[in-house]
Amino acid sequence: MSDNLTEPESSVSWPLDSSVDDDTVTTVARAQYEPEPDAAVVAVVEAVASVTQQDPLEMPPLFGSVNTEALDELVTTPRENPVTVTFSYQQCRVTVSSCGDVAVECRTNE
């Protein structure tokens, strides 16, 4: 797996941060996306795949965890104030911002 995953609509850095808390390791990845249709959804799937070291095509569909149409609408529609959406996907906490940022936090026991 490459240290940097780059796609036209997003870029993922893996891992951005790892910390140890007792027997739990937290890994965080961050991605950015352009305000285009489906760009946030693609960035989420790629970032989670990177953190969990899975093939994105073999992961369950994101729409099983969050309404992807609503997510896309919330974070890509221009607004006066930024919007942040947080949800769980593949046992990770995912935060998507209308500023074009995605953060993925996964905790695993070592």
PDB file of N, CA and C in Angstrom:
ATOM      1  N   MET A   1       0.850  -1.180   0.000  1.00  0.00           N
ATOM      2  CA  MET A   1       0.000   0.000   0.000  1.00  0.00           C
ATOM      3  C   MET A   1       0.891   1.236   0.000  1.00  0.00           C
ATOM      4  N   SER A   2       0.548   2.216  -0.764  1.00  0.00           N
ATOM      5  CA  SER A   2       1.302   3.456  -0.869  1.00  0.00           C
ATOM      6  C   SER A   2       1.123   4.309   0.376  1.00  0.00           C
ATOM      7  N   ASP A   3       2.166   5.097   0.709  1.00  0.00           N
ATOM      8  CA  ASP A   3       2.057   6.006   1.850  1.00  0.00           C
ATOM      9  C   ASP A   3       1.095   7.142   1.564  1.00  0.00           C
ATOM     10  N   ASN A   4       0.948   7.522   0.327  1.00  0.00           N
ATOM     11  CA  ASN A   4       0.020   8.589  -0.047  1.00  0.00           C
ATOM     12  C   ASN A   4      -0.890   8.083  -1.148  1.00  0.00           C
ATOM     13  N   LEU A   5      -2.160   8.231  -0.944  1.00  0.00           N
ATOM     14  CA  LEU A   5      -3.161   7.816  -1.919  1.00  0.00           C
ATOM     15  C   LEU A   5      -3.732   9.074  -2.519  1.00  0.00           C
ATOM     16  N   THR A   6      -3.622   9.232  -3.817  1.00  0.00           N
ATOM     17  CA  THR A   6      -4.117  10.445  -4.443  1.00  0.00           C
ATOM     18  C   THR A   6      -5.070  10.087  -5.565  1.00  0.00           C
ATOM     19  N   GLU A   7      -6.211  10.689  -5.537  1.00  0.00           N
ATOM     20  CA  GLU A   7      -7.217  10.531  -6.570  1.00  0.00           C
ATOM     21  C   GLU A   7      -7.607  11.929  -7.028  1.00  0.00           C
ATOM     22  N   PRO A   8      -8.230  12.078  -8.176  1.00  0.00           N
ATOM     23  CA  PRO A   8      -8.605  13.402  -8.656  1.00  0.00           C
ATOM     24  C   PRO A   8      -9.465  14.193  -7.677  1.00  0.00           C
ATOM     25  N   GLU A   9     -10.375  13.522  -6.950  1.00  0.00           N
ATOM     26  CA  GLU A   9     -11.287  14.254  -6.089  1.00  0.00           C
ATOM     27  C   GLU A   9     -10.817  14.343  -4.648  1.00  0.00           C
ATOM     28  N   SER A  10      -9.785  13.602  -4.260  1.00  0.00           N
ATOM     29  CA  SER A  10      -9.360  13.642  -2.865  1.00  0.00           C
ATOM     30  C   SER A  10      -7.926  13.173  -2.744  1.00  0.00           C
ATOM     31  N   SER A  11      -7.338  13.487  -1.602  1.00  0.00           N
ATOM     32  CA  SER A  11      -6.038  12.930  -1.286  1.00  0.00           C
ATOM     33  C   SER A  11      -6.064  12.510   0.169  1.00  0.00           C
ATOM     34  N   VAL A  12      -5.486  11.354   0.445  1.00  0.00           N
ATOM     35  CA  VAL A  12      -5.504  10.802   1.787  1.00  0.00           C
ATOM     36  C   VAL A  12      -4.076  10.618   2.245  1.00  0.00           C
ATOM     37  N   SER A  13      -3.771  11.055   3.438  1.00  0.00           N
ATOM     38  CA  SER A  13      -2.471  10.812   4.031  1.00  0.00           C
ATOM     39  C   SER A  13      -2.629   9.708   5.057  1.00  0.00           C
ATOM     40  N   TRP A  14      -1.782   8.710   5.008  1.00  0.00           N
ATOM     41  CA  TRP A  14      -1.928   7.552   5.894  1.00  0.00           C
ATOM     42  C   TRP A  14      -0.632   7.249   6.572  1.00  0.00           C
ATOM     43  N   PRO A  15      -0.537   6.996   7.851  1.00  0.00           N
ATOM     44  CA  PRO A  15      -1.442   7.559   8.839  1.00  0.00           C
ATOM     45  C   PRO A  15      -0.978   8.955   9.200  1.00  0.00           C
ATOM     46  N   LEU A  16      -1.894   9.804   9.531  1.00  0.00           N
ATOM     47  CA  LEU A  16      -1.539  11.148   9.952  1.00  0.00           C
ATOM     48  C   LEU A  16      -1.083  11.145  11.397  1.00  0.00           C
ATOM     49  N   ASP A  17      -1.751  10.340  12.214  1.00  0.00           N
ATOM     50  CA  ASP A  17      -1.460  10.347  13.644  1.00  0.00           C
ATOM     51  C   ASP A  17      -1.798   8.986  14.219  1.00  0.00           C
ATOM     52  N   SER A  18      -0.966   8.502  15.111  1.00  0.00           N
ATOM     53  CA  SER A  18      -1.276   7.305  15.885  1.00  0.00           C
ATOM     54  C   SER A  18      -0.936   7.601  17.324  1.00  0.00           C
ATOM     55  N   SER A  19      -1.817   7.246  18.221  1.00  0.00           N
ATOM     56  CA  SER A  19      -1.542   7.452  19.633  1.00  0.00           C
ATOM     57  C   SER A  19      -1.949   6.211  20.401  1.00  0.00           C
ATOM     58  N   VAL A  20      -1.306   6.016  21.540  1.00  0.00           N
ATOM     59  CA  VAL A  20      -1.580   4.846  22.348  1.00  0.00           C
ATOM     60  C   VAL A  20      -2.252   5.286  23.634  1.00  0.00           C
ATOM     61  N   ASP A  21      -3.363   4.659  23.961  1.00  0.00           N
ATOM     62  CA  ASP A  21      -4.094   4.929  25.192  1.00  0.00           C
ATOM     63  C   ASP A  21      -4.419   3.579  25.811  1.00  0.00           C
ATOM     64  N   ASP A  22      -3.686   3.205  26.867  1.00  0.00           N
ATOM     65  CA  ASP A  22      -3.797   1.880  27.462  1.00  0.00           C
ATOM     66  C   ASP A  22      -3.490   0.844  26.385  1.00  0.00           C
ATOM     67  N   ASP A  23      -4.430  -0.043  26.100  1.00  0.00           N
ATOM     68  CA  ASP A  23      -4.217  -1.072  25.083  1.00  0.00           C
ATOM     69  C   ASP A  23      -4.893  -0.719  23.764  1.00  0.00           C
ATOM     70  N   THR A  24      -5.280   0.534  23.611  1.00  0.00           N
ATOM     71  CA  THR A  24      -5.988   0.963  22.418  1.00  0.00           C
ATOM     72  C   THR A  24      -5.102   1.875  21.580  1.00  0.00           C
ATOM     73  N   VAL A  25      -5.044   1.611  20.291  1.00  0.00           N
ATOM     74  CA  VAL A  25      -4.307   2.463  19.362  1.00  0.00           C
ATOM     75  C   VAL A  25      -5.323   3.220  18.523  1.00  0.00           C
ATOM     76  N   THR A  26      -5.152   4.528  18.443  1.00  0.00           N
ATOM     77  CA  THR A  26      -6.035   5.353  17.631  1.00  0.00           C
ATOM     78  C   THR A  26      -5.261   5.817  16.406  1.00  0.00           C
ATOM     79  N   THR A  27      -5.805   5.567  15.245  1.00  0.00           N
ATOM     80  CA  THR A  27      -5.191   6.018  14.006  1.00  0.00           C
ATOM     81  C   THR A  27      -6.119   7.021  13.350  1.00  0.00           C
ATOM     82  N   VAL A  28      -5.537   8.122  12.902  1.00  0.00           N
ATOM     83  CA  VAL A  28      -6.315   9.184  12.279  1.00  0.00           C
ATOM     84  C   VAL A  28      -5.775   9.431  10.876  1.00  0.00           C
ATOM     85  N   ALA A  29      -6.669   9.553   9.928  1.00  0.00           N
ATOM     86  CA  ALA A  29      -6.303   9.955   8.568  1.00  0.00           C
ATOM     87  C   ALA A  29      -7.142  11.163   8.205  1.00  0.00           C
ATOM     88  N   ARG A  30      -6.571  12.023   7.412  1.00  0.00           N
ATOM     89  CA  ARG A  30      -7.293  13.201   6.943  1.00  0.00           C
ATOM     90  C   ARG A  30      -7.261  13.217   5.416  1.00  0.00           C
ATOM     91  N   ALA A  31      -8.360  13.683   4.848  1.00  0.00           N
ATOM     92  CA  ALA A  31      -8.463  13.802   3.397  1.00  0.00           C
ATOM     93  C   ALA A  31      -9.127  15.130   3.073  1.00  0.00           C
ATOM     94  N   GLN A  32      -8.941  15.576   1.862  1.00  0.00           N
ATOM     95  CA  GLN A  32      -9.594  16.791   1.388  1.00  0.00           C
ATOM     96  C   GLN A  32     -10.339  16.448   0.105  1.00  0.00           C
ATOM     97  N   TYR A  33     -11.418  17.170  -0.133  1.00  0.00           N
ATOM     98  CA  TYR A  33     -12.202  16.952  -1.344  1.00  0.00           C
ATOM     99  C   TYR A  33     -12.636  18.303  -1.899  1.00  0.00           C
ATOM    100  N   GLU A  34     -12.949  18.297  -3.170  1.00  0.00           N
ATOM    101  CA  GLU A  34     -13.471  19.485  -3.842  1.00  0.00           C
ATOM    102  C   GLU A  34     -14.993  19.466  -3.736  1.00  0.00           C
ATOM    103  N   PRO A  35     -15.629  20.630  -3.721  1.00  0.00           N
ATOM    104  CA  PRO A  35     -17.099  20.669  -3.603  1.00  0.00           C
ATOM    105  C   PRO A  35     -17.791  20.271  -4.906  1.00  0.00           C
ATOM    106  N   GLU A  36     -17.640  19.019  -5.274  1.00  0.00           N
ATOM    107  CA  GLU A  36     -18.248  18.467  -6.481  1.00  0.00           C
ATOM    108  C   GLU A  36     -19.154  17.305  -6.075  1.00  0.00           C
ATOM    109  N   PRO A  37     -20.132  16.963  -6.892  1.00  0.00           N
ATOM    110  CA  PRO A  37     -21.011  15.835  -6.554  1.00  0.00           C
ATOM    111  C   PRO A  37     -20.206  14.562  -6.273  1.00  0.00           C
ATOM    112  N   ASP A  38     -20.541  13.903  -5.196  1.00  0.00           N
ATOM    113  CA  ASP A  38     -19.954  12.628  -4.770  1.00  0.00           C
ATOM    114  C   ASP A  38     -18.502  12.707  -4.306  1.00  0.00           C
ATOM    115  N   ALA A  39     -17.861  13.855  -4.364  1.00  0.00           N
ATOM    116  CA  ALA A  39     -16.455  13.965  -3.962  1.00  0.00           C
ATOM    117  C   ALA A  39     -16.265  13.664  -2.479  1.00  0.00           C
ATOM    118  N   ALA A  40     -17.162  14.134  -1.630  1.00  0.00           N
ATOM    119  CA  ALA A  40     -17.045  13.875  -0.189  1.00  0.00           C
ATOM    120  C   ALA A  40     -17.222  12.387   0.092  1.00  0.00           C
ATOM    121  N   VAL A  41     -18.164  11.757  -0.578  1.00  0.00           N
ATOM    122  CA  VAL A  41     -18.423  10.328  -0.388  1.00  0.00           C
ATOM    123  C   VAL A  41     -17.194   9.516  -0.793  1.00  0.00           C
ATOM    124  N   VAL A  42     -16.598   9.840  -1.922  1.00  0.00           N
ATOM    125  CA  VAL A  42     -15.394   9.147  -2.388  1.00  0.00           C
ATOM    126  C   VAL A  42     -14.255   9.359  -1.394  1.00  0.00           C
ATOM    127  N   ALA A  43     -14.083  10.579  -0.911  1.00  0.00           N
ATOM    128  CA  ALA A  43     -13.019  10.877   0.052  1.00  0.00           C
ATOM    129  C   ALA A  43     -13.200  10.087   1.344  1.00  0.00           C
ATOM    130  N   VAL A  44     -14.435   9.954   1.819  1.00  0.00           N
ATOM    131  CA  VAL A  44     -14.712   9.184   3.044  1.00  0.00           C
ATOM    132  C   VAL A  44     -14.315   7.726   2.842  1.00  0.00           C
ATOM    133  N   VAL A  45     -14.777   7.119   1.775  1.00  0.00           N
ATOM    134  CA  VAL A  45     -14.494   5.702   1.527  1.00  0.00           C
ATOM    135  C   VAL A  45     -12.990   5.477   1.387  1.00  0.00           C
ATOM    136  N   GLU A  46     -12.297   6.339   0.659  1.00  0.00           N
ATOM    137  CA  GLU A  46     -10.856   6.184   0.480  1.00  0.00           C
ATOM    138  C   GLU A  46     -10.100   6.363   1.793  1.00  0.00           C
ATOM    139  N   ALA A  47     -10.503   7.330   2.604  1.00  0.00           N
ATOM    140  CA  ALA A  47      -9.826   7.568   3.881  1.00  0.00           C
ATOM    141  C   ALA A  47     -10.041   6.400   4.840  1.00  0.00           C
ATOM    142  N   VAL A  48     -11.271   5.898   4.925  1.00  0.00           N
ATOM    143  CA  VAL A  48     -11.550   4.753   5.804  1.00  0.00           C
ATOM    144  C   VAL A  48     -10.803   3.516   5.300  1.00  0.00           C
ATOM    145  N   ALA A  49     -10.780   3.303   4.010  1.00  0.00           N
ATOM    146  CA  ALA A  49     -10.047   2.168   3.444  1.00  0.00           C
ATOM    147  C   ALA A  49      -8.565   2.263   3.783  1.00  0.00           C
ATOM    148  N   SER A  50      -8.026   3.460   3.732  1.00  0.00           N
ATOM    149  CA  SER A  50      -6.623   3.667   4.051  1.00  0.00           C
ATOM    150  C   SER A  50      -6.329   3.338   5.509  1.00  0.00           C
ATOM    151  N   VAL A  51      -7.157   3.832   6.409  1.00  0.00           N
ATOM    152  CA  VAL A  51      -6.950   3.603   7.842  1.00  0.00           C
ATOM    153  C   VAL A  51      -7.133   2.133   8.204  1.00  0.00           C
ATOM    154  N   THR A  52      -8.142   1.502   7.637  1.00  0.00           N
ATOM    155  CA  THR A  52      -8.451   0.111   7.984  1.00  0.00           C
ATOM    156  C   THR A  52      -7.703  -0.888   7.110  1.00  0.00           C
ATOM    157  N   GLN A  53      -6.946  -0.387   6.155  1.00  0.00           N
ATOM    158  CA  GLN A  53      -6.159  -1.203   5.232  1.00  0.00           C
ATOM    159  C   GLN A  53      -7.035  -2.221   4.491  1.00  0.00           C
ATOM    160  N   GLN A  54      -8.132  -1.707   3.947  1.00  0.00           N
ATOM    161  CA  GLN A  54      -9.061  -2.518   3.166  1.00  0.00           C
ATOM    162  C   GLN A  54      -9.114  -2.004   1.732  1.00  0.00           C
ATOM    163  N   ASP A  55      -9.536  -2.863   0.839  1.00  0.00           N
ATOM    164  CA  ASP A  55      -9.799  -2.456  -0.531  1.00  0.00           C
ATOM    165  C   ASP A  55     -11.148  -1.740  -0.527  1.00  0.00           C
ATOM    166  N   PRO A  56     -11.210  -0.487  -0.999  1.00  0.00           N
ATOM    167  CA  PRO A  56     -12.477   0.245  -0.977  1.00  0.00           C
ATOM    168  C   PRO A  56     -13.603  -0.474  -1.718  1.00  0.00           C
ATOM    169  N   LEU A  57     -13.263  -1.237  -2.742  1.00  0.00           N
ATOM    170  CA  LEU A  57     -14.285  -1.944  -3.513  1.00  0.00           C
ATOM    171  C   LEU A  57     -14.857  -3.147  -2.768  1.00  0.00           C
ATOM    172  N   GLU A  58     -14.178  -3.596  -1.719  1.00  0.00           N
ATOM    173  CA  GLU A  58     -14.653  -4.737  -0.945  1.00  0.00           C
ATOM    174  C   GLU A  58     -15.339  -4.320   0.352  1.00  0.00           C
ATOM    175  N   MET A  59     -15.389  -3.023   0.623  1.00  0.00           N
ATOM    176  CA  MET A  59     -16.039  -2.524   1.836  1.00  0.00           C
ATOM    177  C   MET A  59     -17.545  -2.430   1.612  1.00  0.00           C
ATOM    178  N   PRO A  60     -18.332  -2.510   2.698  1.00  0.00           N
ATOM    179  CA  PRO A  60     -19.779  -2.324   2.550  1.00  0.00           C
ATOM    180  C   PRO A  60     -20.077  -0.923   2.018  1.00  0.00           C
ATOM    181  N   PRO A  61     -21.159  -0.760   1.291  1.00  0.00           N
ATOM    182  CA  PRO A  61     -21.496   0.565   0.762  1.00  0.00           C
ATOM    183  C   PRO A  61     -21.672   1.586   1.889  1.00  0.00           C
ATOM    184  N   LEU A  62     -21.189   2.784   1.656  1.00  0.00           N
ATOM    185  CA  LEU A  62     -21.297   3.850   2.649  1.00  0.00           C
ATOM    186  C   LEU A  62     -22.755   4.159   2.954  1.00  0.00           C
ATOM    187  N   PHE A  63     -23.641   4.015   1.968  1.00  0.00           N
ATOM    188  CA  PHE A  63     -25.050   4.351   2.194  1.00  0.00           C
ATOM    189  C   PHE A  63     -25.709   3.451   3.234  1.00  0.00           C
ATOM    190  N   GLY A  64     -25.052   2.378   3.642  1.00  0.00           N
ATOM    191  CA  GLY A  64     -25.558   1.549   4.725  1.00  0.00           C
ATOM    192  C   GLY A  64     -25.339   2.176   6.096  1.00  0.00           C
ATOM    193  N   SER A  65     -24.469   3.185   6.161  1.00  0.00           N
ATOM    194  CA  SER A  65     -24.156   3.859   7.425  1.00  0.00           C
ATOM    195  C   SER A  65     -24.677   5.282   7.493  1.00  0.00           C
ATOM    196  N   VAL A  66     -24.798   5.919   6.343  1.00  0.00           N
ATOM    197  CA  VAL A  66     -25.227   7.319   6.308  1.00  0.00           C
ATOM    198  C   VAL A  66     -25.946   7.569   4.982  1.00  0.00           C
ATOM    199  N   ASN A  67     -26.881   8.482   4.983  1.00  0.00           N
ATOM    200  CA  ASN A  67     -27.571   8.865   3.754  1.00  0.00           C
ATOM    201  C   ASN A  67     -26.578   9.671   2.914  1.00  0.00           C
ATOM    202  N   THR A  68     -26.012   9.035   1.897  1.00  0.00           N
ATOM    203  CA  THR A  68     -24.948   9.676   1.120  1.00  0.00           C
ATOM    204  C   THR A  68     -25.445  10.875   0.317  1.00  0.00           C
ATOM    205  N   GLU A  69     -26.698  10.837  -0.119  1.00  0.00           N
ATOM    206  CA  GLU A  69     -27.241  11.992  -0.845  1.00  0.00           C
ATOM    207  C   GLU A  69     -27.358  13.193   0.083  1.00  0.00           C
ATOM    208  N   ALA A  70     -27.829  12.959   1.306  1.00  0.00           N
ATOM    209  CA  ALA A  70     -27.943  14.048   2.283  1.00  0.00           C
ATOM    210  C   ALA A  70     -26.562  14.560   2.677  1.00  0.00           C
ATOM    211  N   LEU A  71     -25.610  13.648   2.879  1.00  0.00           N
ATOM    212  CA  LEU A  71     -24.241  14.055   3.211  1.00  0.00           C
ATOM    213  C   LEU A  71     -23.676  14.943   2.118  1.00  0.00           C
ATOM    214  N   ASP A  72     -23.801  14.497   0.883  1.00  0.00           N
ATOM    215  CA  ASP A  72     -23.301  15.262  -0.256  1.00  0.00           C
ATOM    216  C   ASP A  72     -23.945  16.648  -0.312  1.00  0.00           C
ATOM    217  N   GLU A  73     -25.248  16.695  -0.123  1.00  0.00           N
ATOM    218  CA  GLU A  73     -25.980  17.966  -0.154  1.00  0.00           C
ATOM    219  C   GLU A  73     -25.520  18.893   0.970  1.00  0.00           C
ATOM    220  N   LEU A  74     -25.357  18.348   2.164  1.00  0.00           N
ATOM    221  CA  LEU A  74     -24.959  19.163   3.320  1.00  0.00           C
ATOM    222  C   LEU A  74     -23.563  19.756   3.181  1.00  0.00           C
ATOM    223  N   VAL A  75     -22.631  18.971   2.671  1.00  0.00           N
ATOM    224  CA  VAL A  75     -21.237  19.432   2.688  1.00  0.00           C
ATOM    225  C   VAL A  75     -20.743  20.042   1.382  1.00  0.00           C
ATOM    226  N   THR A  76     -21.514  19.945   0.304  1.00  0.00           N
ATOM    227  CA  THR A  76     -21.048  20.548  -0.951  1.00  0.00           C
ATOM    228  C   THR A  76     -21.862  21.754  -1.396  1.00  0.00           C
ATOM    229  N   THR A  77     -22.984  22.014  -0.736  1.00  0.00           N
ATOM    230  CA  THR A  77     -23.791  23.184  -1.066  1.00  0.00           C
ATOM    231  C   THR A  77     -23.209  24.409  -0.367  1.00  0.00           C
ATOM    232  N   PRO A  78     -22.944  25.489  -1.111  1.00  0.00           N
ATOM    233  CA  PRO A  78     -22.401  26.698  -0.470  1.00  0.00           C
ATOM    234  C   PRO A  78     -23.336  27.212   0.626  1.00  0.00           C
ATOM    235  N   ARG A  79     -22.743  27.535   1.765  1.00  0.00           N
ATOM    236  CA  ARG A  79     -23.508  28.012   2.918  1.00  0.00           C
ATOM    237  C   ARG A  79     -22.769  29.168   3.571  1.00  0.00           C
ATOM    238  N   GLU A  80     -23.530  29.943   4.340  1.00  0.00           N
ATOM    239  CA  GLU A  80     -22.939  31.057   5.077  1.00  0.00           C
ATOM    240  C   GLU A  80     -22.039  30.553   6.204  1.00  0.00           C
ATOM    241  N   ASN A  81     -22.480  29.497   6.894  1.00  0.00           N
ATOM    242  CA  ASN A  81     -21.709  28.921   7.998  1.00  0.00           C
ATOM    243  C   ASN A  81     -21.303  27.494   7.659  1.00  0.00           C
ATOM    244  N   PRO A  82     -20.113  27.074   8.089  1.00  0.00           N
ATOM    245  CA  PRO A  82     -19.671  25.704   7.811  1.00  0.00           C
ATOM    246  C   PRO A  82     -20.566  24.668   8.486  1.00  0.00           C
ATOM    247  N   VAL A  83     -20.663  23.506   7.860  1.00  0.00           N
ATOM    248  CA  VAL A  83     -21.437  22.383   8.382  1.00  0.00           C
ATOM    249  C   VAL A  83     -20.473  21.225   8.616  1.00  0.00           C
ATOM    250  N   THR A  84     -20.646  20.529   9.743  1.00  0.00           N
ATOM    251  CA  THR A  84     -19.847  19.343  10.047  1.00  0.00           C
ATOM    252  C   THR A  84     -20.793  18.183  10.329  1.00  0.00           C
ATOM    253  N   VAL A  85     -20.512  17.039   9.722  1.00  0.00           N
ATOM    254  CA  VAL A  85     -21.317  15.837   9.914  1.00  0.00           C
ATOM    255  C   VAL A  85     -20.395  14.738  10.445  1.00  0.00           C
ATOM    256  N   THR A  86     -20.802  14.084  11.537  1.00  0.00           N
ATOM    257  CA  THR A  86     -20.020  12.995  12.120  1.00  0.00           C
ATOM    258  C   THR A  86     -20.881  11.738  12.174  1.00  0.00           C
ATOM    259  N   PHE A  87     -20.292  10.604  11.788  1.00  0.00           N
ATOM    260  CA  PHE A  87     -21.005   9.329  11.780  1.00  0.00           C
ATOM    261  C   PHE A  87     -19.998   8.192  11.888  1.00  0.00           C
ATOM    262  N   SER A  88     -20.500   6.978  12.073  1.00  0.00           N
ATOM    263  CA  SER A  88     -19.648   5.790  12.152  1.00  0.00           C
ATOM    264  C   SER A  88     -19.721   5.012  10.843  1.00  0.00           C
ATOM    265  N   TYR A  89     -18.556   4.498  10.432  1.00  0.00           N
ATOM    266  CA  TYR A  89     -18.482   3.658   9.241  1.00  0.00           C
ATOM    267  C   TYR A  89     -17.288   2.726   9.403  1.00  0.00           C
ATOM    268  N   GLN A  90     -17.500   1.455   9.246  1.00  0.00           N
ATOM    269  CA  GLN A  90     -16.445   0.449   9.369  1.00  0.00           C
ATOM    270  C   GLN A  90     -15.728   0.544  10.717  1.00  0.00           C
ATOM    271  N   GLN A  91     -16.479   0.753  11.768  1.00  0.00           N
ATOM    272  CA  GLN A  91     -15.976   0.865  13.131  1.00  0.00           C
ATOM    273  C   GLN A  91     -15.022   2.045  13.300  1.00  0.00           C
ATOM    274  N   CYS A  92     -15.197   3.069  12.484  1.00  0.00           N
ATOM    275  CA  CYS A  92     -14.412   4.297  12.575  1.00  0.00           C
ATOM    276  C   CYS A  92     -15.353   5.477  12.778  1.00  0.00           C
ATOM    277  N   ARG A  93     -14.851   6.505  13.405  1.00  0.00           N
ATOM    278  CA  ARG A  93     -15.592   7.759  13.541  1.00  0.00           C
ATOM    279  C   ARG A  93     -15.152   8.659  12.391  1.00  0.00           C
ATOM    280  N   VAL A  94     -16.102   9.088  11.587  1.00  0.00           N
ATOM    281  CA  VAL A  94     -15.824   9.898  10.401  1.00  0.00           C
ATOM    282  C   VAL A  94     -16.449  11.274  10.591  1.00  0.00           C
ATOM    283  N   THR A  95     -15.665  12.315  10.348  1.00  0.00           N
ATOM    284  CA  THR A  95     -16.169  13.682  10.404  1.00  0.00           C
ATOM    285  C   THR A  95     -15.904  14.338   9.056  1.00  0.00           C
ATOM    286  N   VAL A  96     -16.968  14.863   8.452  1.00  0.00           N
ATOM    287  CA  VAL A  96     -16.877  15.525   7.152  1.00  0.00           C
ATOM    288  C   VAL A  96     -17.307  16.968   7.334  1.00  0.00           C
ATOM    289  N   SER A  97     -16.515  17.884   6.812  1.00  0.00           N
ATOM    290  CA  SER A  97     -16.784  19.313   6.941  1.00  0.00           C
ATOM    291  C   SER A  97     -17.093  19.912   5.578  1.00  0.00           C
ATOM    292  N   SER A  98     -17.955  20.914   5.573  1.00  0.00           N
ATOM    293  CA  SER A  98     -18.263  21.609   4.322  1.00  0.00           C
ATOM    294  C   SER A  98     -17.084  22.457   3.848  1.00  0.00           C
ATOM    295  N   CYS A  99     -16.029  22.528   4.641  1.00  0.00           N
ATOM    296  CA  CYS A  99     -14.798  23.228   4.241  1.00  0.00           C
ATOM    297  C   CYS A  99     -13.926  22.347   3.350  1.00  0.00           C
ATOM    298  N   GLY A 100     -14.366  21.098   3.115  1.00  0.00           N
ATOM    299  CA  GLY A 100     -13.623  20.194   2.242  1.00  0.00           C
ATOM    300  C   GLY A 100     -12.724  19.220   2.975  1.00  0.00           C
ATOM    301  N   ASP A 101     -12.924  19.059   4.278  1.00  0.00           N
ATOM    302  CA  ASP A 101     -12.075  18.180   5.079  1.00  0.00           C
ATOM    303  C   ASP A 101     -12.813  16.922   5.511  1.00  0.00           C
ATOM    304  N   VAL A 102     -12.072  15.816   5.554  1.00  0.00           N
ATOM    305  CA  VAL A 102     -12.567  14.552   6.092  1.00  0.00           C
ATOM    306  C   VAL A 102     -11.549  14.080   7.121  1.00  0.00           C
ATOM    307  N   ALA A 103     -12.018  13.683   8.300  1.00  0.00           N
ATOM    308  CA  ALA A 103     -11.153  13.098   9.327  1.00  0.00           C
ATOM    309  C   ALA A 103     -11.731  11.745   9.709  1.00  0.00           C
ATOM    310  N   VAL A 104     -10.859  10.749   9.789  1.00  0.00           N
ATOM    311  CA  VAL A 104     -11.269   9.397  10.153  1.00  0.00           C
ATOM    312  C   VAL A 104     -10.455   8.969  11.362  1.00  0.00           C
ATOM    313  N   GLU A 105     -11.149   8.515  12.395  1.00  0.00           N
ATOM    314  CA  GLU A 105     -10.494   8.052  13.620  1.00  0.00           C
ATOM    315  C   GLU A 105     -10.940   6.624  13.894  1.00  0.00           C
ATOM    316  N   CYS A 106      -9.978   5.717  13.970  1.00  0.00           N
ATOM    317  CA  CYS A 106     -10.271   4.313  14.251  1.00  0.00           C
ATOM    318  C   CYS A 106      -9.474   3.878  15.467  1.00  0.00           C
ATOM    319  N   ARG A 107     -10.130   3.158  16.353  1.00  0.00           N
ATOM    320  CA  ARG A 107      -9.460   2.624  17.538  1.00  0.00           C
ATOM    321  C   ARG A 107      -9.440   1.111  17.438  1.00  0.00           C
ATOM    322  N   THR A 108      -8.289   0.560  17.695  1.00  0.00           N
ATOM    323  CA  THR A 108      -8.144  -0.885  17.680  1.00  0.00           C
ATOM    324  C   THR A 108      -7.375  -1.316  18.911  1.00  0.00           C
ATOM    325  N   ASN A 109      -7.646  -2.500  19.391  1.00  0.00           N
ATOM    326  CA  ASN A 109      -6.887  -3.063  20.506  1.00  0.00           C
ATOM    327  C   ASN A 109      -5.662  -3.757  19.943  1.00  0.00           C
ATOM    328  N   GLU A 110      -4.542  -3.514  20.554  1.00  0.00           N
ATOM    329  CA  GLU A 110      -3.292  -4.138  20.118  1.00  0.00           C
ATOM    330  C   GLU A 110      -3.067  -5.421  20.870  1.00  0.00           C
TER     331      GLU A 110
END
